[in-house]
């Protein structure tokens, strides 16, 4: 059973463990800053009581939201956890009157790109040398329906 809920400080070690398994790009203390500044959009997903994934999303302007990160522990992928997290953050952004959501995906991460496309995101551009290693990112967007 998947339960999506707000991040709590005791989830920090689980989030960092997932981050390192999936990305290993972000300074772990970004997540504590997100908790302090945009806790409404910092969610975790529990699967059978274990934190198996997380998402961070927030408003960047009056009508635009951004998903900074969405990750699922590889041991728990393909169980619907990513979709549950994405649906919930989109619901929260919609409640906050956001009309468009943006995110970045590594060009080499075709699996993530396809995942977001299944939910209606489209490639709107390329952010050159976006990642620390110099790889480009797809800038993906979706317009929310009301």
Protein backbone atom coordinates (compact mmCIF):
# COMPACT_ATOMS: atom_id res chain seq x y z
CA UNK A 1 0.00 0.00 0.00
CA UNK A 2 1.32 3.44 -0.99
CA UNK A 3 0.85 6.39 1.35
CA UNK A 4 1.93 9.86 0.21
CA UNK A 5 2.46 12.32 3.04
CA UNK A 6 4.42 15.45 3.95
CA UNK A 7 8.13 15.06 4.61
CA UNK A 8 9.11 15.05 8.28
CA UNK A 9 12.64 15.60 9.65
CA UNK A 10 12.89 11.94 10.61
CA UNK A 11 12.58 11.10 6.88
CA UNK A 12 15.82 12.93 6.10
CA UNK A 13 18.11 9.87 6.12
CA UNK A 14 15.73 7.92 3.87
CA UNK A 15 15.50 10.80 1.39
CA UNK A 16 19.29 11.16 1.28
CA UNK A 17 19.70 7.41 0.77
CA UNK A 18 17.25 7.48 -2.15
CA UNK A 19 18.90 10.61 -3.58
CA UNK A 20 22.30 8.91 -3.56
CA UNK A 21 20.96 5.75 -5.20
CA UNK A 22 19.08 7.59 -7.92
CA UNK A 23 20.95 10.87 -8.57
CA UNK A 24 23.87 11.57 -6.22
CA UNK A 25 23.99 15.15 -7.52
CA UNK A 26 22.43 17.38 -4.92
CA UNK A 27 23.88 18.62 -1.69
CA UNK A 28 21.89 16.75 0.99
CA UNK A 29 21.25 19.97 2.85
CA UNK A 30 19.13 21.25 -0.06
CA UNK A 31 16.44 18.95 1.27
CA UNK A 32 16.50 20.48 4.73
CA UNK A 33 16.28 23.92 3.08
CA UNK A 34 13.25 22.72 1.12
CA UNK A 35 11.69 21.49 4.33
CA UNK A 36 12.24 24.90 5.89
CA UNK A 37 11.10 26.99 2.90
CA UNK A 38 8.48 24.95 1.03
CA UNK A 39 7.41 22.12 3.28
CA UNK A 40 3.96 21.96 1.63
CA UNK A 41 5.57 20.66 -1.56
CA UNK A 42 8.01 18.22 0.01
CA UNK A 43 6.35 14.81 0.03
CA UNK A 44 7.43 11.25 0.69
CA UNK A 45 5.81 8.00 -0.33
CA UNK A 46 5.71 5.08 2.05
CA UNK A 47 5.35 1.55 0.76
CA UNK A 48 4.49 -0.92 3.50
CA UNK A 49 5.74 1.60 6.07
CA UNK A 50 9.11 2.26 4.37
CA UNK A 51 9.96 5.61 2.77
CA UNK A 52 10.41 4.49 -0.82
CA UNK A 53 10.32 7.79 -2.72
CA UNK A 54 10.04 11.54 -2.51
CA UNK A 55 9.15 14.61 -4.54
CA UNK A 56 9.92 18.31 -4.07
CA UNK A 57 7.81 20.85 -5.92
CA UNK A 58 7.11 24.53 -5.39
CA UNK A 59 5.80 27.71 -6.97
CA UNK A 60 8.46 29.74 -8.81
CA UNK A 61 6.19 32.54 -10.02
CA UNK A 62 2.55 33.52 -9.83
CA UNK A 63 1.46 30.89 -12.36
CA UNK A 64 4.41 28.50 -12.64
CA UNK A 65 5.44 25.61 -10.45
CA UNK A 66 8.60 23.55 -10.57
CA UNK A 67 9.37 19.97 -9.68
CA UNK A 68 12.92 20.07 -8.37
CA UNK A 69 13.27 16.35 -7.78
CA UNK A 70 11.25 13.14 -7.88
CA UNK A 71 12.95 9.87 -7.01
CA UNK A 72 11.98 6.33 -6.08
CA UNK A 73 14.33 3.85 -4.48
CA UNK A 74 15.31 1.40 -7.26
CA UNK A 75 14.13 -1.50 -5.08
CA UNK A 76 10.60 -0.06 -5.18
CA UNK A 77 10.34 1.14 -8.77
CA UNK A 78 7.52 -0.01 -11.07
CA UNK A 79 5.04 -0.24 -8.19
CA UNK A 80 3.19 3.03 -8.89
CA UNK A 81 5.10 5.08 -6.32
CA UNK A 82 6.43 7.65 -8.81
CA UNK A 83 2.98 8.14 -10.27
CA UNK A 84 1.44 8.56 -6.81
CA UNK A 85 4.04 11.20 -5.92
CA UNK A 86 3.63 13.03 -9.23
CA UNK A 87 -0.17 13.04 -8.99
CA UNK A 88 -0.08 14.42 -5.45
CA UNK A 89 2.41 17.21 -6.17
CA UNK A 90 0.40 18.17 -9.26
CA UNK A 91 -2.76 18.26 -7.14
CA UNK A 92 -1.06 20.56 -4.61
CA UNK A 93 0.27 22.86 -7.32
CA UNK A 94 -3.17 22.99 -8.94
CA UNK A 95 -4.69 23.93 -5.56
CA UNK A 96 -2.21 26.81 -5.44
CA UNK A 97 -3.49 28.08 -8.80
CA UNK A 98 -0.38 27.10 -10.73
CA UNK A 99 -1.11 26.86 -14.46
CA UNK A 100 2.15 25.38 -15.70
CA UNK A 101 4.71 23.02 -14.17
CA UNK A 102 8.29 22.69 -15.36
CA UNK A 103 11.08 20.22 -14.61
CA UNK A 104 14.40 19.05 -16.02
CA UNK A 105 15.42 15.56 -17.08
CA UNK A 106 18.85 14.38 -18.18
CA UNK A 107 18.92 13.82 -21.93
CA UNK A 108 20.32 10.34 -21.28
CA UNK A 109 17.46 9.45 -18.92
CA UNK A 110 14.97 8.17 -21.48
CA UNK A 111 13.08 6.24 -18.82
CA UNK A 112 12.31 9.39 -16.82
CA UNK A 113 11.46 11.32 -19.97
CA UNK A 114 8.93 8.63 -20.99
CA UNK A 115 7.50 8.58 -17.46
CA UNK A 116 6.76 12.31 -17.52
CA UNK A 117 5.41 12.13 -21.08
CA UNK A 118 2.88 9.52 -19.92
CA UNK A 119 1.54 12.16 -17.53
CA UNK A 120 1.27 14.83 -20.21
CA UNK A 121 4.62 16.61 -19.97
CA UNK A 122 6.28 17.61 -23.23
CA UNK A 123 9.81 18.71 -24.14
CA UNK A 124 9.81 22.49 -24.35
CA UNK A 125 13.53 23.05 -24.80
CA UNK A 126 17.03 22.03 -23.82
CA UNK A 127 19.07 23.44 -20.95
CA UNK A 128 22.66 23.13 -22.10
CA UNK A 129 25.25 21.82 -19.64
CA UNK A 130 22.59 21.83 -16.92
CA UNK A 131 24.14 19.09 -14.79
CA UNK A 132 27.43 19.21 -12.90
CA UNK A 133 29.00 16.75 -15.33
CA UNK A 134 28.09 18.96 -18.30
CA UNK A 135 25.18 16.86 -19.59
CA UNK A 136 22.25 18.70 -21.14
CA UNK A 137 18.74 18.50 -19.72
CA UNK A 138 15.37 18.41 -21.40
CA UNK A 139 13.17 21.20 -20.09
CA UNK A 140 9.76 19.60 -19.78
CA UNK A 141 6.43 21.33 -19.17
CA UNK A 142 2.79 20.63 -18.62
CA UNK A 143 -0.16 22.99 -18.55
CA UNK A 144 -2.57 22.10 -15.79
CA UNK A 145 -6.25 21.73 -16.53
CA UNK A 146 -8.89 23.17 -14.25
